[in-house]
Amino acid sequence: NREKLRIAKMLDNLGVHQIEAGIPVMGGDEKEVICEIVSYHLNASIMAWNRANVEDVKHSLDCGVDSVAISVSTSDIHIAYKLRTSREWVLKSMVESVEFAKNAGVYVSVNAEDASRSDFDFLVEFASQAQKAGADRLRFCDTIGVLDPFKTYESVSRLIEKTCMDIEMHTHNDFGMATANALAGLKAGAKFLGVTVNGLGERAGNAALEEVAMAMKYLYSVD
């Protein structure tokens, strides 16, 4: 817990504008430390992660966070084998959770898990319904790290063209391309990049905060 609190303060000092602090529905220490991070009144927005159900969101609201991520799979392979349900269920659960969160007055990121392997038309429908429900942005997740920068640019460009929605990149490093894919998303019009310190994350990790920050500063002249 101490470590998590210290990291949150350090990220805030670095100027990170939003910190995804954890998963309140896990309860215990996890929920406690998220409440404590919120109590620091950092400059950064504090976001909590949720599955697409109202009970998860209630736990996040208990902590006083100003933003929530509502996450659900959009690829048919995940819908069939991970969730064992249907596209209809995915849309319904997502919309209910987003509406509930927006009624509580928080910022909402809707996470399309496994977006990189999702049927494009379904992804557009998912994004459109999220937008109608009040979602502020869509997190485009390359959950198993299968994209390359060219496919990333093409997919994100098309998605923005079809939905006009704010996009966040969430990239994994299975083929060593997490940072490159995050930057390709940025070039395609994504406004948010999800990163981790030193690229730490499940399996091969995620886009590294320091690589993305330096690339933006020195390659793209974004201070």
Foldseek 3Di string as FASTA:
>chain_A
DVVLLVVLVVCLVVPDAEDASEFQVVPDPSLVVLLVSVVVVGNHQYEYEEELAQVSVVSVVVSVGQEYEYEDEQAPVCVCPVVVHDLVVNLVSNLVNLLNNVVVPHAYEYEHACLVRHDLVSVLVSLQSSVVSPHQAYEREVNVQPDALVSLLVSLLVSCVSRVHAYEYKHACPVDHQLVSNVSNVVSPHDHYDADDVQDDPDRGHHHPVVNVCCCCPVVVDD
